[in-house]
PDB file of N, CA and C in Angstrom:
ATOM      1  N   UNK A   1     118.847 116.301 100.324  1.00  0.00           N
ATOM      2  CA  UNK A   1     117.920 114.998 100.401  1.00  0.00           C
ATOM      3  C   UNK A   1     119.002 114.415 101.484  1.00  0.00           C
ATOM      4  N   UNK A   2     118.057 113.726 102.918  1.00  0.00           N
ATOM      5  CA  UNK A   2     118.228 112.589 103.540  1.00  0.00           C
ATOM      6  C   UNK A   2     119.277 111.382 103.406  1.00  0.00           C
ATOM      7  N   UNK A   3     120.203 111.701 103.840  1.00  0.00           N
ATOM      8  CA  UNK A   3     121.085 109.730 103.425  1.00  0.00           C
ATOM      9  C   UNK A   3     120.284 109.159 104.917  1.00  0.00           C
ATOM     10  N   UNK A   4     119.693 109.410 105.559  1.00  0.00           N
ATOM     11  CA  UNK A   4     119.003 108.656 106.832  1.00  0.00           C
ATOM     12  C   UNK A   4     116.904 108.157 106.507  1.00  0.00           C
ATOM     13  N   UNK A   5     116.832 106.564 106.387  1.00  0.00           N
ATOM     14  CA  UNK A   5     115.737 106.459 105.751  1.00  0.00           C
ATOM     15  C   UNK A   5     115.181 105.474 107.405  1.00  0.00           C
ATOM     16  N   UNK A   6     113.482 105.598 107.904  1.00  0.00           N
ATOM     17  CA  UNK A   6     113.061 104.961 109.003  1.00  0.00           C
ATOM     18  C   UNK A   6     111.874 104.195 108.522  1.00  0.00           C
ATOM     19  N   UNK A   7     111.927 103.256 108.732  1.00  0.00           N
ATOM     20  CA  UNK A   7     111.289 101.759 108.672  1.00  0.00           C
ATOM     21  C   UNK A   7     110.430 101.715 109.594  1.00  0.00           C
ATOM     22  N   UNK A   8     109.445 101.198 109.331  1.00  0.00           N
ATOM     23  CA  UNK A   8     108.542 100.672 110.428  1.00  0.00           C
ATOM     24  C   UNK A   8     108.604  99.394 110.150  1.00  0.00           C
ATOM     25  N   UNK A   9     108.277  98.455 111.509  1.00  0.00           N
ATOM     26  CA  UNK A   9     108.614  97.114 111.992  1.00  0.00           C
ATOM     27  C   UNK A   9     107.902  97.045 113.239  1.00  0.00           C
ATOM     28  N   UNK A  10     106.968  95.602 112.364  1.00  0.00           N
ATOM     29  CA  UNK A  10     106.397  95.225 113.715  1.00  0.00           C
ATOM     30  C   UNK A  10     107.247  94.031 114.340  1.00  0.00           C
ATOM     31  N   UNK A  11     106.890  93.844 115.887  1.00  0.00           N
ATOM     32  CA  UNK A  11     107.577  92.606 116.517  1.00  0.00           C
ATOM     33  C   UNK A  11     106.428  91.561 116.280  1.00  0.00           C
ATOM     34  N   UNK A  12     106.870  90.339 115.833  1.00  0.00           N
ATOM     35  CA  UNK A  12     105.850  89.367 114.972  1.00  0.00           C
ATOM     36  C   UNK A  12     106.232  88.295 116.387  1.00  0.00           C
ATOM     37  N   UNK A  13     107.730  87.741 116.850  1.00  0.00           N
ATOM     38  CA  UNK A  13     107.868  86.988 117.611  1.00  0.00           C
ATOM     39  C   UNK A  13     109.023  87.315 118.646  1.00  0.00           C
ATOM     40  N   UNK A  14     109.018  87.020 119.899  1.00  0.00           N
ATOM     41  CA  UNK A  14     109.832  86.854 120.897  1.00  0.00           C
ATOM     42  C   UNK A  14     110.215  86.034 121.323  1.00  0.00           C
ATOM     43  N   UNK A  15     111.529  85.705 121.292  1.00  0.00           N
ATOM     44  CA  UNK A  15     112.582  84.546 121.450  1.00  0.00           C
ATOM     45  C   UNK A  15     113.065  84.497 123.084  1.00  0.00           C
ATOM     46  N   UNK A  16     113.676  83.504 123.647  1.00  0.00           N
ATOM     47  CA  UNK A  16     114.626  83.620 124.523  1.00  0.00           C
ATOM     48  C   UNK A  16     115.613  84.899 124.194  1.00  0.00           C
ATOM     49  N   UNK A  17     116.435  84.393 123.251  1.00  0.00           N
ATOM     50  CA  UNK A  17     117.619  85.067 122.953  1.00  0.00           C
ATOM     51  C   UNK A  17     117.637  86.331 121.385  1.00  0.00           C
ATOM     52  N   UNK A  18     116.488  86.194 120.976  1.00  0.00           N
ATOM     53  CA  UNK A  18     116.082  86.877 119.531  1.00  0.00           C
ATOM     54  C   UNK A  18     114.787  87.681 119.582  1.00  0.00           C
ATOM     55  N   UNK A  19     114.474  88.231 118.141  1.00  0.00           N
ATOM     56  CA  UNK A  19     113.219  88.888 117.906  1.00  0.00           C
ATOM     57  C   UNK A  19     112.970  88.893 116.514  1.00  0.00           C
ATOM     58  N   UNK A  20     111.707  87.705 116.359  1.00  0.00           N
ATOM     59  CA  UNK A  20     111.459  88.385 114.979  1.00  0.00           C
ATOM     60  C   UNK A  20     110.472  89.862 114.267  1.00  0.00           C
ATOM     61  N   UNK A  21     111.155  90.358 113.667  1.00  0.00           N
ATOM     62  CA  UNK A  21     110.630  91.745 113.309  1.00  0.00           C
ATOM     63  C   UNK A  21     109.688  91.489 111.649  1.00  0.00           C
ATOM     64  N   UNK A  22     109.013  92.250 111.300  1.00  0.00           N
ATOM     65  CA  UNK A  22     108.341  92.041 110.159  1.00  0.00           C
ATOM     66  C   UNK A  22     108.242  93.732 109.701  1.00  0.00           C
ATOM     67  N   UNK A  23     108.867  93.859 108.454  1.00  0.00           N
ATOM     68  CA  UNK A  23     109.531  95.147 107.840  1.00  0.00           C
ATOM     69  C   UNK A  23     108.015  95.926 107.207  1.00  0.00           C
ATOM     70  N   UNK A  24     108.255  97.183 106.892  1.00  0.00           N
ATOM     71  CA  UNK A  24     106.345  97.425 106.137  1.00  0.00           C
ATOM     72  C   UNK A  24     106.878  96.728 104.797  1.00  0.00           C
ATOM     73  N   UNK A  25     107.525  96.215 104.096  1.00  0.00           N
ATOM     74  CA  UNK A  25     107.461  96.055 102.863  1.00  0.00           C
ATOM     75  C   UNK A  25     106.989  94.058 102.803  1.00  0.00           C
ATOM     76  N   UNK A  26     106.678  93.551 104.016  1.00  0.00           N
ATOM     77  CA  UNK A  26     106.482  92.031 104.386  1.00  0.00           C
ATOM     78  C   UNK A  26     107.817  91.560 104.802  1.00  0.00           C
ATOM     79  N   UNK A  27     108.430  91.833 104.398  1.00  0.00           N
ATOM     80  CA  UNK A  27     109.939  90.954 105.121  1.00  0.00           C
ATOM     81  C   UNK A  27     110.203  90.607 106.007  1.00  0.00           C
ATOM     82  N   UNK A  28     110.542  89.826 106.867  1.00  0.00           N
ATOM     83  CA  UNK A  28     111.288  89.064 107.691  1.00  0.00           C
ATOM     84  C   UNK A  28     112.387  89.585 108.596  1.00  0.00           C
ATOM     85  N   UNK A  29     112.746  89.996 109.447  1.00  0.00           N
ATOM     86  CA  UNK A  29     114.314  89.933 110.208  1.00  0.00           C
ATOM     87  C   UNK A  29     114.355  89.123 111.264  1.00  0.00           C
ATOM     88  N   UNK A  30     115.293  88.643 111.341  1.00  0.00           N
ATOM     89  CA  UNK A  30     115.588  88.171 113.004  1.00  0.00           C
ATOM     90  C   UNK A  30     117.076  89.069 113.636  1.00  0.00           C
ATOM     91  N   UNK A  31     116.568  89.723 114.648  1.00  0.00           N
ATOM     92  CA  UNK A  31     117.873  90.440 115.371  1.00  0.00           C
ATOM     93  C   UNK A  31     118.505  89.689 116.845  1.00  0.00           C
ATOM     94  N   UNK A  32     119.099  90.193 117.400  1.00  0.00           N
ATOM     95  CA  UNK A  32     119.038  89.736 118.559  1.00  0.00           C
ATOM     96  C   UNK A  32     118.526  90.652 119.651  1.00  0.00           C
ATOM     97  N   UNK A  33     118.013  89.992 120.604  1.00  0.00           N
ATOM     98  CA  UNK A  33     117.104  90.671 121.660  1.00  0.00           C
ATOM     99  C   UNK A  33     117.470  91.488 122.270  1.00  0.00           C
ATOM    100  N   UNK A  34     118.406  92.335 121.861  1.00  0.00           N
ATOM    101  CA  UNK A  34     119.009  93.105 122.972  1.00  0.00           C
ATOM    102  C   UNK A  34     119.171  94.223 121.867  1.00  0.00           C
ATOM    103  N   UNK A  35     119.044  93.918 120.735  1.00  0.00           N
ATOM    104  CA  UNK A  35     118.511  95.103 119.992  1.00  0.00           C
ATOM    105  C   UNK A  35     117.540  96.190 120.096  1.00  0.00           C
ATOM    106  N   UNK A  36     116.664  95.553 120.910  1.00  0.00           N
ATOM    107  CA  UNK A  36     115.098  96.614 120.396  1.00  0.00           C
ATOM    108  C   UNK A  36     115.039  96.484 122.193  1.00  0.00           C
ATOM    109  N   UNK A  37     113.945  97.451 122.198  1.00  0.00           N
ATOM    110  CA  UNK A  37     113.861  97.860 123.921  1.00  0.00           C
ATOM    111  C   UNK A  37     113.413  96.864 124.733  1.00  0.00           C
ATOM    112  N   UNK A  38     113.664  97.311 125.983  1.00  0.00           N
ATOM    113  CA  UNK A  38     113.175  95.932 126.742  1.00  0.00           C
ATOM    114  C   UNK A  38     112.170  95.861 127.293  1.00  0.00           C
ATOM    115  N   UNK A  39     111.069  96.629 126.744  1.00  0.00           N
ATOM    116  CA  UNK A  39     109.969  97.098 127.504  1.00  0.00           C
ATOM    117  C   UNK A  39     108.708  97.236 126.141  1.00  0.00           C
ATOM    118  N   UNK A  40     109.067  96.412 125.216  1.00  0.00           N
ATOM    119  CA  UNK A  40     108.214  96.072 123.763  1.00  0.00           C
ATOM    120  C   UNK A  40     107.899  94.555 124.273  1.00  0.00           C
ATOM    121  N   UNK A  41     106.960  94.343 123.279  1.00  0.00           N
ATOM    122  CA  UNK A  41     106.408  92.913 123.212  1.00  0.00           C
ATOM    123  C   UNK A  41     105.796  92.534 121.842  1.00  0.00           C
ATOM    124  N   UNK A  42     105.221  91.536 121.663  1.00  0.00           N
ATOM    125  CA  UNK A  42     104.333  91.082 120.234  1.00  0.00           C
ATOM    126  C   UNK A  42     103.480  92.047 120.134  1.00  0.00           C
ATOM    127  N   UNK A  43     103.547  92.815 118.537  1.00  0.00           N
ATOM    128  CA  UNK A  43     102.417  93.044 117.881  1.00  0.00           C
ATOM    129  C   UNK A  43     102.937  94.819 118.536  1.00  0.00           C
ATOM    130  N   UNK A  44     104.120  94.832 119.212  1.00  0.00           N
ATOM    131  CA  UNK A  44     104.529  96.143 119.096  1.00  0.00           C
ATOM    132  C   UNK A  44     104.996  96.644 117.983  1.00  0.00           C
ATOM    133  N   UNK A  45     105.011  98.158 117.412  1.00  0.00           N
ATOM    134  CA  UNK A  45     105.623  99.001 116.293  1.00  0.00           C
ATOM    135  C   UNK A  45     106.652  99.716 116.883  1.00  0.00           C
ATOM    136  N   UNK A  46     107.759  99.104 115.778  1.00  0.00           N
ATOM    137  CA  UNK A  46     109.264  99.893 116.205  1.00  0.00           C
ATOM    138  C   UNK A  46     109.136 100.855 115.111  1.00  0.00           C
ATOM    139  N   UNK A  47     110.376 102.103 115.220  1.00  0.00           N
ATOM    140  CA  UNK A  47     110.768 102.111 113.848  1.00  0.00           C
ATOM    141  C   UNK A  47     112.080 102.647 114.307  1.00  0.00           C
ATOM    142  N   UNK A  48     112.860 101.922 112.977  1.00  0.00           N
ATOM    143  CA  UNK A  48     114.294 101.479 112.859  1.00  0.00           C
ATOM    144  C   UNK A  48     114.801 102.768 111.754  1.00  0.00           C
ATOM    145  N   UNK A  49     115.726 103.008 112.586  1.00  0.00           N
ATOM    146  CA  UNK A  49     116.452 104.425 111.735  1.00  0.00           C
ATOM    147  C   UNK A  49     117.705 103.723 111.259  1.00  0.00           C
ATOM    148  N   UNK A  50     117.954 103.960 109.871  1.00  0.00           N
ATOM    149  CA  UNK A  50     119.251 102.999 109.076  1.00  0.00           C
ATOM    150  C   UNK A  50     120.243 105.053 108.195  1.00  0.00           C
ATOM    151  N   UNK A  51     121.041 105.681 108.906  1.00  0.00           N
ATOM    152  CA  UNK A  51     121.819 105.876 108.694  1.00  0.00           C
ATOM    153  C   UNK A  51     123.145 106.233 108.229  1.00  0.00           C
ATOM    154  N   UNK A  52     123.788 106.732 107.834  1.00  0.00           N
ATOM    155  CA  UNK A  52     125.302 106.451 107.097  1.00  0.00           C
ATOM    156  C   UNK A  52     126.223 107.280 108.217  1.00  0.00           C
ATOM    157  N   UNK A  53     127.005 106.875 108.938  1.00  0.00           N
ATOM    158  CA  UNK A  53     127.539 107.708 109.944  1.00  0.00           C
ATOM    159  C   UNK A  53     128.832 108.240 109.269  1.00  0.00           C
ATOM    160  N   UNK A  54     129.177 108.097 108.081  1.00  0.00           N
ATOM    161  CA  UNK A  54     129.904 109.183 107.689  1.00  0.00           C
ATOM    162  C   UNK A  54     129.235 110.540 107.426  1.00  0.00           C
ATOM    163  N   UNK A  55     128.255 110.630 107.265  1.00  0.00           N
ATOM    164  CA  UNK A  55     127.193 111.529 107.012  1.00  0.00           C
ATOM    165  C   UNK A  55     126.700 112.316 107.858  1.00  0.00           C
ATOM    166  N   UNK A  56     126.760 111.255 109.206  1.00  0.00           N
ATOM    167  CA  UNK A  56     126.447 111.861 110.935  1.00  0.00           C
ATOM    168  C   UNK A  56     128.280 113.131 110.784  1.00  0.00           C
ATOM    169  N   UNK A  57     129.471 112.278 110.749  1.00  0.00           N
ATOM    170  CA  UNK A  57     130.657 112.616 110.883  1.00  0.00           C
ATOM    171  C   UNK A  57     130.414 114.236 110.057  1.00  0.00           C
ATOM    172  N   UNK A  58     130.344 113.954 108.594  1.00  0.00           N
ATOM    173  CA  UNK A  58     130.727 115.281 108.124  1.00  0.00           C
ATOM    174  C   UNK A  58     129.464 116.563 108.452  1.00  0.00           C
ATOM    175  N   UNK A  59     128.458 115.976 109.413  1.00  0.00           N
ATOM    176  CA  UNK A  59     127.472 116.871 109.695  1.00  0.00           C
ATOM    177  C   UNK A  59     128.255 117.794 111.001  1.00  0.00           C
ATOM    178  N   UNK A  60     129.375 116.604 111.845  1.00  0.00           N
ATOM    179  CA  UNK A  60     129.541 117.214 112.782  1.00  0.00           C
ATOM    180  C   UNK A  60     131.131 117.889 112.690  1.00  0.00           C
ATOM    181  N   UNK A  61     131.432 117.992 111.949  1.00  0.00           N
ATOM    182  CA  UNK A  61     132.763 118.830 111.060  1.00  0.00           C
ATOM    183  C   UNK A  61     132.195 119.798 110.580  1.00  0.00           C
ATOM    184  N   UNK A  62     131.070 119.711 109.792  1.00  0.00           N
ATOM    185  CA  UNK A  62     130.576 121.470 109.098  1.00  0.00           C
ATOM    186  C   UNK A  62     130.036 121.839 110.450  1.00  0.00           C
ATOM    187  N   UNK A  63     129.319 121.524 111.577  1.00  0.00           N
ATOM    188  CA  UNK A  63     129.274 122.355 112.894  1.00  0.00           C
ATOM    189  C   UNK A  63     130.555 122.914 113.524  1.00  0.00           C
ATOM    190  N   UNK A  64     131.268 121.958 113.804  1.00  0.00           N
ATOM    191  CA  UNK A  64     132.174 122.419 114.368  1.00  0.00           C
ATOM    192  C   UNK A  64     133.527 123.690 113.633  1.00  0.00           C
ATOM    193  N   UNK A  65     133.195 123.567 111.959  1.00  0.00           N
ATOM    194  CA  UNK A  65     133.639 124.900 112.036  1.00  0.00           C
ATOM    195  C   UNK A  65     132.930 126.001 111.561  1.00  0.00           C
ATOM    196  N   UNK A  66     131.622 125.842 111.587  1.00  0.00           N
ATOM    197  CA  UNK A  66     130.864 127.038 111.474  1.00  0.00           C
ATOM    198  C   UNK A  66     130.907 127.669 113.142  1.00  0.00           C
ATOM    199  N   UNK A  67     130.425 126.891 114.052  1.00  0.00           N
ATOM    200  CA  UNK A  67     131.336 127.442 115.261  1.00  0.00           C
ATOM    201  C   UNK A  67     132.430 127.905 115.516  1.00  0.00           C
ATOM    202  N   UNK A  68     133.102 127.185 115.610  1.00  0.00           N
ATOM    203  CA  UNK A  68     134.773 128.208 115.514  1.00  0.00           C
ATOM    204  C   UNK A  68     134.582 129.236 114.409  1.00  0.00           C
ATOM    205  N   UNK A  69     133.964 129.838 113.271  1.00  0.00           N
ATOM    206  CA  UNK A  69     133.806 130.621 113.112  1.00  0.00           C
ATOM    207  C   UNK A  69     133.221 132.057 113.054  1.00  0.00           C
ATOM    208  N   UNK A  70     131.935 131.360 113.713  1.00  0.00           N
ATOM    209  CA  UNK A  70     131.058 132.174 114.818  1.00  0.00           C
ATOM    210  C   UNK A  70     131.643 132.871 116.056  1.00  0.00           C
ATOM    211  N   UNK A  71     132.192 132.000 116.754  1.00  0.00           N
ATOM    212  CA  UNK A  71     133.474 132.129 117.920  1.00  0.00           C
ATOM    213  C   UNK A  71     134.363 132.925 117.746  1.00  0.00           C
ATOM    214  N   UNK A  72     135.062 133.144 116.543  1.00  0.00           N
ATOM    215  CA  UNK A  72     136.873 133.686 116.338  1.00  0.00           C
ATOM    216  C   UNK A  72     136.546 135.073 116.742  1.00  0.00           C
ATOM    217  N   UNK A  73     137.917 135.371 117.425  1.00  0.00           N
ATOM    218  CA  UNK A  73     137.816 136.745 117.763  1.00  0.00           C
ATOM    219  C   UNK A  73     138.122 137.629 116.648  1.00  0.00           C
ATOM    220  N   UNK A  74     137.385 138.543 116.826  1.00  0.00           N
ATOM    221  CA  UNK A  74     137.937 139.997 115.734  1.00  0.00           C
ATOM    222  C   UNK A  74     139.486 140.020 115.522  1.00  0.00           C
ATOM    223  N   UNK A  75     139.748 139.674 114.009  1.00  0.00           N
ATOM    224  CA  UNK A  75     141.559 140.706 113.822  1.00  0.00           C
ATOM    225  C   UNK A  75     141.423 142.283 114.001  1.00  0.00           C
TER     226      UNK A  75
END
């Protein structure tokens, strides 16, 4: 099971220093303007990914272990 969720959000309003977005369940969230790409405008749809950084760290460690095992010289 993936511990990553993707939420669709529509830009409702851009202000000088913040953006108001509406997520797919109808709730509104206010974020700093620098959290979104510069080339988007009101009405554009964003995909927001929410993940657990500890899961990403664990995957990275598992990948390193696997590579070390594969690249280990034969004894």
